[in-house]
Every structure is written in C-alpha cells, then in structure tokens.
N, C-alpha and C. Protein backbone atom coordinates (compact mmCIF):
# COMPACT_ATOMS: atom_id res chain seq x y z
N MET A 1 -39.36 -29.19 8.60
CA MET A 1 -38.43 -30.01 7.86
C MET A 1 -37.13 -30.15 8.67
N LYS A 2 -36.66 -31.32 8.85
CA LYS A 2 -35.47 -31.58 9.59
C LYS A 2 -34.30 -31.56 8.64
N VAL A 3 -33.19 -30.99 9.06
CA VAL A 3 -32.02 -30.84 8.22
C VAL A 3 -31.37 -32.25 8.05
N TYR A 4 -31.32 -33.06 9.05
CA TYR A 4 -30.65 -34.33 8.93
C TYR A 4 -31.32 -35.28 7.95
N HIS A 5 -32.58 -35.08 7.61
CA HIS A 5 -33.18 -35.94 6.61
C HIS A 5 -32.76 -35.63 5.19
N ASN A 6 -32.19 -34.46 4.96
CA ASN A 6 -31.81 -34.06 3.64
C ASN A 6 -30.27 -34.12 3.46
N THR A 7 -29.58 -34.53 4.42
CA THR A 7 -28.11 -34.59 4.30
C THR A 7 -27.68 -36.00 3.80
N THR A 8 -26.49 -36.05 3.31
CA THR A 8 -25.92 -37.28 2.76
C THR A 8 -25.68 -38.27 3.88
N LYS A 9 -26.09 -39.48 3.74
CA LYS A 9 -25.86 -40.50 4.76
C LYS A 9 -24.44 -40.97 4.77
N ARG A 10 -23.86 -41.10 3.63
CA ARG A 10 -22.47 -41.59 3.51
C ARG A 10 -21.58 -40.50 3.00
N ILE A 11 -20.49 -40.32 3.70
CA ILE A 11 -19.49 -39.37 3.29
C ILE A 11 -18.28 -40.11 2.77
N PHE A 12 -17.85 -39.74 1.58
CA PHE A 12 -16.71 -40.42 0.99
C PHE A 12 -15.58 -39.39 0.88
N LEU A 13 -14.49 -39.66 1.57
CA LEU A 13 -13.34 -38.79 1.47
C LEU A 13 -12.25 -39.42 0.67
N ALA A 14 -11.66 -38.67 -0.23
CA ALA A 14 -10.58 -39.20 -1.02
C ALA A 14 -9.45 -38.17 -1.06
N SER A 15 -8.28 -38.68 -1.00
CA SER A 15 -7.14 -37.78 -1.13
C SER A 15 -6.14 -38.40 -2.12
N TRP A 16 -5.58 -37.58 -2.91
CA TRP A 16 -4.60 -37.98 -3.89
C TRP A 16 -3.25 -37.56 -3.45
N VAL A 17 -2.32 -38.48 -3.36
CA VAL A 17 -1.00 -38.20 -2.96
C VAL A 17 -0.03 -38.62 -4.10
N SER A 18 0.74 -37.67 -4.51
CA SER A 18 1.73 -37.98 -5.54
C SER A 18 3.08 -37.70 -4.98
N ILE A 19 3.89 -38.74 -5.00
CA ILE A 19 5.25 -38.58 -4.49
C ILE A 19 6.22 -38.60 -5.66
N ASN A 20 6.97 -37.51 -5.74
CA ASN A 20 7.99 -37.44 -6.77
C ASN A 20 9.15 -38.26 -6.34
N GLN A 21 9.64 -39.08 -7.22
CA GLN A 21 10.74 -40.02 -6.87
C GLN A 21 12.01 -39.29 -6.44
N THR A 22 12.27 -38.16 -7.07
CA THR A 22 13.50 -37.40 -6.76
C THR A 22 13.42 -36.78 -5.41
N GLN A 23 12.26 -36.31 -4.98
CA GLN A 23 12.12 -35.72 -3.67
C GLN A 23 12.11 -36.77 -2.57
N GLU A 24 11.69 -37.98 -2.88
CA GLU A 24 11.59 -39.04 -1.87
C GLU A 24 13.01 -39.35 -1.40
N ASN A 25 13.96 -39.42 -2.28
CA ASN A 25 15.34 -39.82 -1.92
C ASN A 25 16.21 -38.64 -1.53
N ALA A 26 15.77 -37.41 -1.73
CA ALA A 26 16.60 -36.24 -1.42
C ALA A 26 16.67 -36.01 0.12
N PRO A 27 17.83 -35.53 0.58
CA PRO A 27 17.89 -35.25 2.00
C PRO A 27 17.02 -34.07 2.38
N ALA A 28 16.70 -34.01 3.67
CA ALA A 28 15.80 -32.96 4.17
C ALA A 28 16.37 -31.56 3.98
N SER A 29 17.68 -31.41 3.99
CA SER A 29 18.28 -30.10 3.85
C SER A 29 18.13 -29.58 2.46
N GLN A 30 18.02 -30.41 1.48
CA GLN A 30 17.81 -29.95 0.10
C GLN A 30 16.33 -29.64 -0.21
N MET A 31 15.45 -30.27 0.51
CA MET A 31 14.02 -30.08 0.27
C MET A 31 13.57 -28.70 0.77
N HIS A 32 14.06 -28.22 1.88
CA HIS A 32 13.67 -26.98 2.44
C HIS A 32 14.83 -25.99 2.36
N ARG A 33 15.05 -25.35 1.26
CA ARG A 33 16.15 -24.43 1.13
C ARG A 33 15.69 -23.07 1.55
N PRO A 34 16.48 -22.42 2.42
CA PRO A 34 16.18 -21.05 2.77
C PRO A 34 16.54 -20.16 1.56
N SER A 35 15.84 -19.06 1.41
CA SER A 35 16.15 -18.18 0.29
C SER A 35 17.52 -17.60 0.46
N ALA A 36 18.30 -17.52 -0.59
CA ALA A 36 19.61 -16.99 -0.55
C ALA A 36 19.59 -15.48 -0.49
N LYS A 37 18.51 -14.88 -0.83
CA LYS A 37 18.42 -13.41 -0.84
C LYS A 37 18.27 -12.89 0.58
N PRO A 38 19.16 -12.05 1.04
CA PRO A 38 19.05 -11.53 2.41
C PRO A 38 17.89 -10.54 2.52
N HIS A 39 17.20 -10.57 3.63
CA HIS A 39 16.06 -9.70 3.85
C HIS A 39 16.54 -8.37 4.37
N PHE A 40 16.21 -7.25 3.68
CA PHE A 40 16.65 -5.94 4.04
C PHE A 40 15.42 -5.15 4.40
N ASP A 41 15.42 -4.67 5.63
CA ASP A 41 14.24 -3.89 6.13
C ASP A 41 14.67 -2.40 6.08
N ILE A 42 14.06 -1.69 5.19
CA ILE A 42 14.38 -0.23 5.00
C ILE A 42 14.05 0.60 6.20
N PHE A 43 13.06 0.19 6.97
CA PHE A 43 12.61 0.97 8.12
C PHE A 43 13.36 0.65 9.41
N GLN A 44 14.29 -0.32 9.34
CA GLN A 44 15.00 -0.71 10.57
C GLN A 44 15.81 0.44 11.18
N SER A 45 16.45 1.25 10.31
CA SER A 45 17.28 2.32 10.87
C SER A 45 16.36 3.41 11.43
N ILE A 46 15.21 3.66 10.85
CA ILE A 46 14.25 4.65 11.38
C ILE A 46 13.70 4.16 12.71
N ARG A 47 13.40 2.87 12.80
CA ARG A 47 12.91 2.28 14.08
C ARG A 47 13.96 2.47 15.16
N ARG A 48 15.20 2.12 14.82
CA ARG A 48 16.32 2.19 15.82
C ARG A 48 16.49 3.67 16.29
N TRP A 49 16.43 4.59 15.30
CA TRP A 49 16.58 6.02 15.69
C TRP A 49 15.48 6.48 16.57
N LEU A 50 14.21 6.12 16.25
CA LEU A 50 13.11 6.53 17.07
C LEU A 50 13.17 5.91 18.49
N ASP A 51 13.68 4.73 18.61
CA ASP A 51 13.81 4.10 19.91
C ASP A 51 14.91 4.75 20.77
N ASN A 52 15.87 5.34 20.07
CA ASN A 52 16.99 5.94 20.80
C ASN A 52 16.91 7.47 20.97
N VAL A 53 15.77 8.06 20.61
CA VAL A 53 15.67 9.52 20.78
C VAL A 53 15.55 9.79 22.26
N PRO A 54 16.52 10.59 22.79
CA PRO A 54 16.44 10.92 24.26
C PRO A 54 15.41 12.02 24.50
N ILE A 55 14.65 11.86 25.54
CA ILE A 55 13.71 12.87 25.98
C ILE A 55 14.25 13.53 27.21
N ARG A 56 14.88 14.67 27.00
CA ARG A 56 15.47 15.39 28.12
C ARG A 56 15.00 16.86 28.19
N ASP A 57 14.18 17.29 27.27
CA ASP A 57 13.73 18.61 27.17
C ASP A 57 12.20 18.72 27.34
N ARG A 58 11.73 19.62 28.15
CA ARG A 58 10.32 19.77 28.42
C ARG A 58 9.55 20.17 27.13
N GLN A 59 10.16 21.12 26.37
CA GLN A 59 9.48 21.62 25.18
C GLN A 59 9.35 20.52 24.13
N LEU A 60 10.44 19.70 23.97
CA LEU A 60 10.38 18.58 23.07
C LEU A 60 9.31 17.56 23.46
N ALA A 61 9.23 17.29 24.76
CA ALA A 61 8.20 16.34 25.22
C ALA A 61 6.81 16.86 24.94
N HIS A 62 6.56 18.16 25.14
CA HIS A 62 5.28 18.73 24.89
C HIS A 62 4.96 18.71 23.35
N ARG A 63 5.96 18.99 22.58
CA ARG A 63 5.75 18.96 21.13
C ARG A 63 5.43 17.55 20.62
N LEU A 64 6.17 16.52 21.16
CA LEU A 64 5.90 15.16 20.75
C LEU A 64 4.51 14.71 21.15
N CYS A 65 4.03 15.14 22.35
CA CYS A 65 2.73 14.74 22.83
C CYS A 65 1.63 15.43 22.02
N LYS A 66 1.92 16.56 21.47
CA LYS A 66 0.89 17.26 20.66
C LYS A 66 0.86 16.69 19.24
N LEU A 67 2.03 16.37 18.70
CA LEU A 67 2.15 15.87 17.34
C LEU A 67 1.68 14.43 17.13
N ILE A 68 2.00 13.63 18.04
CA ILE A 68 1.66 12.13 17.93
C ILE A 68 0.31 11.93 18.60
N PRO A 69 -0.70 11.56 17.85
CA PRO A 69 -2.03 11.41 18.45
C PRO A 69 -2.16 10.20 19.35
N SER A 70 -3.03 10.31 20.37
CA SER A 70 -3.20 9.16 21.34
C SER A 70 -4.03 8.07 20.72
N GLN A 71 -4.90 8.38 19.76
CA GLN A 71 -5.70 7.42 19.07
C GLN A 71 -5.57 7.64 17.59
N CYS A 72 -5.91 6.64 16.83
CA CYS A 72 -5.80 6.72 15.37
C CYS A 72 -6.85 7.72 14.83
N PRO A 73 -6.42 8.79 14.19
CA PRO A 73 -7.31 9.79 13.69
C PRO A 73 -8.18 9.36 12.49
N PHE A 74 -7.80 8.23 11.88
CA PHE A 74 -8.53 7.77 10.65
C PHE A 74 -9.70 6.85 10.94
N GLU A 75 -9.80 6.37 12.15
CA GLU A 75 -10.89 5.44 12.50
C GLU A 75 -12.18 6.22 12.57
N ARG A 76 -13.18 5.76 11.81
CA ARG A 76 -14.44 6.51 11.74
C ARG A 76 -15.62 5.52 11.62
N ASP A 77 -16.79 5.99 12.05
CA ASP A 77 -18.07 5.36 11.79
C ASP A 77 -18.80 6.29 10.85
N VAL A 78 -19.17 5.79 9.68
CA VAL A 78 -19.88 6.57 8.69
C VAL A 78 -21.38 6.33 8.94
N LYS A 79 -22.13 7.39 9.28
CA LYS A 79 -23.51 7.26 9.64
C LYS A 79 -24.35 8.10 8.72
N LEU A 80 -25.56 7.59 8.45
CA LEU A 80 -26.58 8.26 7.60
C LEU A 80 -27.94 8.09 8.35
N LEU A 81 -28.55 9.25 8.70
CA LEU A 81 -29.81 9.24 9.34
C LEU A 81 -29.77 8.45 10.68
N GLY A 82 -28.67 8.60 11.41
CA GLY A 82 -28.54 7.94 12.67
C GLY A 82 -28.17 6.46 12.65
N LYS A 83 -28.04 5.88 11.45
CA LYS A 83 -27.63 4.48 11.37
C LYS A 83 -26.23 4.38 10.83
N THR A 84 -25.49 3.48 11.34
CA THR A 84 -24.09 3.27 10.95
C THR A 84 -24.10 2.51 9.62
N LEU A 85 -23.52 3.12 8.57
CA LEU A 85 -23.42 2.46 7.26
C LEU A 85 -22.28 1.51 7.24
N PHE A 86 -21.12 2.03 7.66
CA PHE A 86 -19.88 1.20 7.71
C PHE A 86 -18.89 1.77 8.65
N HIS A 87 -17.90 1.01 8.99
CA HIS A 87 -16.85 1.40 9.88
C HIS A 87 -15.50 1.39 9.19
N ILE A 88 -14.81 2.47 9.31
CA ILE A 88 -13.43 2.51 8.72
C ILE A 88 -12.48 2.11 9.80
N PRO A 89 -11.74 1.03 9.64
CA PRO A 89 -10.84 0.53 10.77
C PRO A 89 -9.63 1.45 10.88
N PRO A 90 -8.95 1.36 12.03
CA PRO A 90 -7.74 2.22 12.22
C PRO A 90 -6.68 1.84 11.24
N MET A 91 -6.23 2.82 10.49
CA MET A 91 -5.19 2.58 9.49
C MET A 91 -3.78 2.78 10.04
N CYS A 92 -3.68 3.24 11.27
CA CYS A 92 -2.39 3.56 11.83
C CYS A 92 -1.49 2.31 11.95
N LYS A 93 -2.14 1.15 12.16
CA LYS A 93 -1.31 -0.04 12.33
C LYS A 93 -0.69 -0.47 11.06
N LEU A 94 -1.05 0.11 9.93
CA LEU A 94 -0.38 -0.15 8.68
C LEU A 94 0.94 0.62 8.55
N ASN A 95 1.09 1.63 9.42
CA ASN A 95 2.34 2.38 9.46
C ASN A 95 3.44 1.53 9.94
N PRO A 96 4.56 1.40 9.22
CA PRO A 96 5.64 0.48 9.65
C PRO A 96 6.38 0.93 10.90
N VAL A 97 6.26 2.19 11.29
CA VAL A 97 6.92 2.66 12.52
C VAL A 97 5.87 3.07 13.58
N TYR A 98 4.74 2.55 13.51
CA TYR A 98 3.65 2.86 14.44
C TYR A 98 4.03 2.60 15.89
N GLU A 99 4.55 1.41 16.14
CA GLU A 99 4.88 1.00 17.53
C GLU A 99 5.97 1.91 18.11
N GLU A 100 6.92 2.31 17.29
CA GLU A 100 7.99 3.16 17.75
C GLU A 100 7.50 4.57 18.05
N LEU A 101 6.55 5.07 17.22
CA LEU A 101 6.01 6.40 17.50
C LEU A 101 5.16 6.41 18.76
N VAL A 102 4.38 5.40 18.99
CA VAL A 102 3.57 5.23 20.22
C VAL A 102 4.52 5.16 21.44
N SER A 103 5.58 4.43 21.27
CA SER A 103 6.59 4.32 22.35
C SER A 103 7.22 5.66 22.65
N LEU A 104 7.56 6.44 21.63
CA LEU A 104 8.15 7.76 21.81
C LEU A 104 7.21 8.65 22.49
N ARG A 105 5.96 8.65 22.12
CA ARG A 105 4.93 9.50 22.80
C ARG A 105 4.81 9.09 24.27
N PHE A 106 4.81 7.77 24.53
CA PHE A 106 4.69 7.28 25.94
C PHE A 106 5.91 7.74 26.75
N ARG A 107 7.11 7.67 26.18
CA ARG A 107 8.29 8.14 26.88
C ARG A 107 8.22 9.60 27.18
N ALA A 108 7.64 10.40 26.25
CA ALA A 108 7.54 11.86 26.45
C ALA A 108 6.53 12.09 27.58
N LEU A 109 5.45 11.35 27.58
CA LEU A 109 4.45 11.52 28.66
C LEU A 109 5.05 11.15 30.02
N CYS A 110 5.81 10.08 30.02
CA CYS A 110 6.45 9.67 31.29
C CYS A 110 7.47 10.70 31.74
N TYR A 111 8.19 11.28 30.87
CA TYR A 111 9.11 12.32 31.22
C TYR A 111 8.43 13.51 31.86
N LEU A 112 7.33 13.95 31.18
CA LEU A 112 6.57 15.07 31.75
C LEU A 112 5.95 14.80 33.10
N ALA A 113 5.50 13.58 33.27
CA ALA A 113 4.82 13.23 34.53
C ALA A 113 5.84 12.97 35.67
N ASP A 114 6.88 12.18 35.35
CA ASP A 114 7.81 11.76 36.39
C ASP A 114 8.90 12.77 36.65
N GLU A 115 9.52 13.26 35.67
CA GLU A 115 10.67 14.18 35.83
C GLU A 115 10.22 15.64 36.06
N CYS A 116 9.25 16.05 35.32
CA CYS A 116 8.83 17.47 35.42
C CYS A 116 7.67 17.65 36.40
N GLY A 117 6.98 16.57 36.79
CA GLY A 117 5.88 16.67 37.70
C GLY A 117 4.70 17.34 37.17
N GLU A 118 4.47 17.29 35.83
CA GLU A 118 3.30 17.96 35.24
C GLU A 118 2.08 17.03 35.18
N ASP A 119 0.94 17.61 35.01
CA ASP A 119 -0.29 16.88 34.80
C ASP A 119 -0.40 16.66 33.25
N VAL A 120 -0.50 15.33 32.86
CA VAL A 120 -0.51 15.01 31.47
C VAL A 120 -1.90 14.59 31.00
N THR A 121 -2.96 14.85 31.78
CA THR A 121 -4.24 14.46 31.39
C THR A 121 -4.76 15.20 30.17
N GLN A 122 -4.18 16.33 29.85
CA GLN A 122 -4.62 17.06 28.65
C GLN A 122 -4.18 16.36 27.39
N TYR A 123 -3.22 15.39 27.45
CA TYR A 123 -2.77 14.68 26.29
C TYR A 123 -3.45 13.29 26.17
N CYS A 124 -4.28 12.92 27.09
CA CYS A 124 -4.90 11.62 26.99
C CYS A 124 -6.19 11.58 26.26
C-alpha cells in the first residue's frame, strides 16, 4: 500500500486575523511595554562572590578540588538484568551557581598546577 494514495489531494489552509481597532492606531511604543517591575536576581551576589574568591593558599585549593566534583554525581543509568531501564540526566545544571562553582574548581586546579607545580591528575 502506497502512502500517497491515501493522503489528501487538496490542502486547504485558512488563517483568521482579527485586528483590534485601538491597537492598529496605537504607536509601537505603547504596544510593546516593558514590565515596570525590576528584575532582581537573588543569586547575583553569590555569583559575584564566587567569581572573586582569591586562590592563594595550597590547602584551600586542595579542599576546593576535593569538595567540588568534576562530574555531576547525580547522573545515573538505572539498569535491571543488564538492560538500561532509564537514564537520570545531570541535575547539576539546575543549580543557579553551577558555572561559578566549576570556574572556582578550575581556578583551584590551575593554581595547584601552575603556581605550586603539583600533579592534579588525582582530581580529574
């Protein structure tokens, strides 16, 4: 059986457009009003603080590399009898300060490798 034999030969497209008379004569600035409510990001100060944390101490750098995981610990494959039932995606990206934490860990790794001359493969 061929699919094209059972499809509609004529396609009828219709669209309904309703123009409100008051919007037609209104200036463009009145039609697209920005919200008067200012956007307040509660995590902005935490992000700024994490970006400005200085890494000058070897012990602090080691502690940060141990505390902040290199991969998301929540990502899992749920298996039963050797077959994957479902996959739990990484939830870390839902964290509002995820990028800043990863950046802090990277700066700590760079400090240990560049300034202290240590081998950082144990943290990878």
